[in-house]
Amino acid sequence: MELRGEITRIDEEGGKVTIDLGTLVTVDMDKVRLIEKYRPPKRKRPLRDMVD
């Protein structure tokens, strides 16, 4: 089964990952596959224009 969501927390010691699927779901790391890398949101205006 493939479910898509945003990773909100990684517990490396416990081997768990929390994913936001509309509700938070915690699963074992070995059950999760990375589909695309994280890309931060792009700004519409440069930062220096925002400080006036």
C-alpha atoms as a PDB file:
ATOM      1  CA  MET A   1       0.000   0.000   0.000  1.00  0.00           C
ATOM      2  CA  GLU A   2       1.357   3.426  -0.891  1.00  0.00           C
ATOM      3  CA  LEU A   3       0.487   6.406   1.283  1.00  0.00           C
ATOM      4  CA  ARG A   4       1.970   9.847   0.688  1.00  0.00           C
ATOM      5  CA  GLY A   5       2.617  12.458   3.311  1.00  0.00           C
ATOM      6  CA  GLU A   6       5.128  14.801   4.838  1.00  0.00           C
ATOM      7  CA  ILE A   7       7.631  13.501   7.389  1.00  0.00           C
ATOM      8  CA  THR A   8       7.270  15.508  10.589  1.00  0.00           C
ATOM      9  CA  ARG A   9       9.589  13.622  12.964  1.00  0.00           C
ATOM     10  CA  ILE A  10      12.407  11.061  12.771  1.00  0.00           C
ATOM     11  CA  ASP A  11      13.337   8.968  15.817  1.00  0.00           C
ATOM     12  CA  GLU A  12      16.661   7.420  14.819  1.00  0.00           C
ATOM     13  CA  GLU A  13      17.174   5.643  18.163  1.00  0.00           C
ATOM     14  CA  GLY A  14      13.774   3.965  18.057  1.00  0.00           C
ATOM     15  CA  GLY A  15      13.818   3.456  14.285  1.00  0.00           C
ATOM     16  CA  LYS A  16      10.464   5.222  13.816  1.00  0.00           C
ATOM     17  CA  VAL A  17       9.209   7.949  11.467  1.00  0.00           C
ATOM     18  CA  THR A  18       6.120  10.114  12.001  1.00  0.00           C
ATOM     19  CA  ILE A  19       4.287  11.083   8.811  1.00  0.00           C
ATOM     20  CA  ASP A  20       1.437  13.576   8.358  1.00  0.00           C
ATOM     21  CA  LEU A  21      -1.284  11.851   6.322  1.00  0.00           C
ATOM     22  CA  GLY A  22      -4.004  14.213   7.475  1.00  0.00           C
ATOM     23  CA  THR A  23      -3.497  12.588  10.849  1.00  0.00           C
ATOM     24  CA  LEU A  24      -0.081  11.760  12.309  1.00  0.00           C
ATOM     25  CA  VAL A  25       1.014   8.159  11.748  1.00  0.00           C
ATOM     26  CA  THR A  26       4.182   6.587  13.204  1.00  0.00           C
ATOM     27  CA  VAL A  27       5.768   3.658  11.356  1.00  0.00           C
ATOM     28  CA  ASP A  28       9.066   1.763  11.299  1.00  0.00           C
ATOM     29  CA  MET A  29      11.793   3.424   9.220  1.00  0.00           C
ATOM     30  CA  ASP A  30      12.304   0.305   7.116  1.00  0.00           C
ATOM     31  CA  LYS A  31       8.677   0.546   5.893  1.00  0.00           C
ATOM     32  CA  VAL A  32       9.145   4.060   4.454  1.00  0.00           C
ATOM     33  CA  ARG A  33      10.526   4.885   1.032  1.00  0.00           C
ATOM     34  CA  LEU A  34      11.594   8.383   0.014  1.00  0.00           C
ATOM     35  CA  ILE A  35       9.825   9.381  -3.188  1.00  0.00           C
ATOM     36  CA  GLU A  36      11.207  12.888  -3.682  1.00  0.00           C
ATOM     37  CA  LYS A  37      13.670  15.010  -1.775  1.00  0.00           C
ATOM     38  CA  TYR A  38      12.608  17.904   0.409  1.00  0.00           C
ATOM     39  CA  ARG A  39      12.445  21.243  -1.331  1.00  0.00           C
ATOM     40  CA  PRO A  40      11.857  24.336   0.780  1.00  0.00           C
ATOM     41  CA  PRO A  41       9.075  26.665  -0.427  1.00  0.00           C
ATOM     42  CA  LYS A  42      10.228  29.330  -2.876  1.00  0.00           C
ATOM     43  CA  ARG A  43       9.809  33.012  -2.064  1.00  0.00           C
ATOM     44  CA  LYS A  44       7.736  35.127  -4.419  1.00  0.00           C
ATOM     45  CA  ARG A  45       9.716  38.272  -3.559  1.00  0.00           C
ATOM     46  CA  PRO A  46      13.348  38.622  -2.455  1.00  0.00           C
ATOM     47  CA  LEU A  47      13.796  38.919   1.292  1.00  0.00           C
ATOM     48  CA  ARG A  48      15.297  42.435   1.143  1.00  0.00           C
ATOM     49  CA  ASP A  49      12.079  43.733  -0.496  1.00  0.00           C
ATOM     50  CA  MET A  50      10.057  42.435   2.453  1.00  0.00           C
ATOM     51  CA  VAL A  51      11.958  44.575   4.993  1.00  0.00           C
ATOM     52  CA  ASP A  52      10.808  48.152   4.434  1.00  0.00           C
END
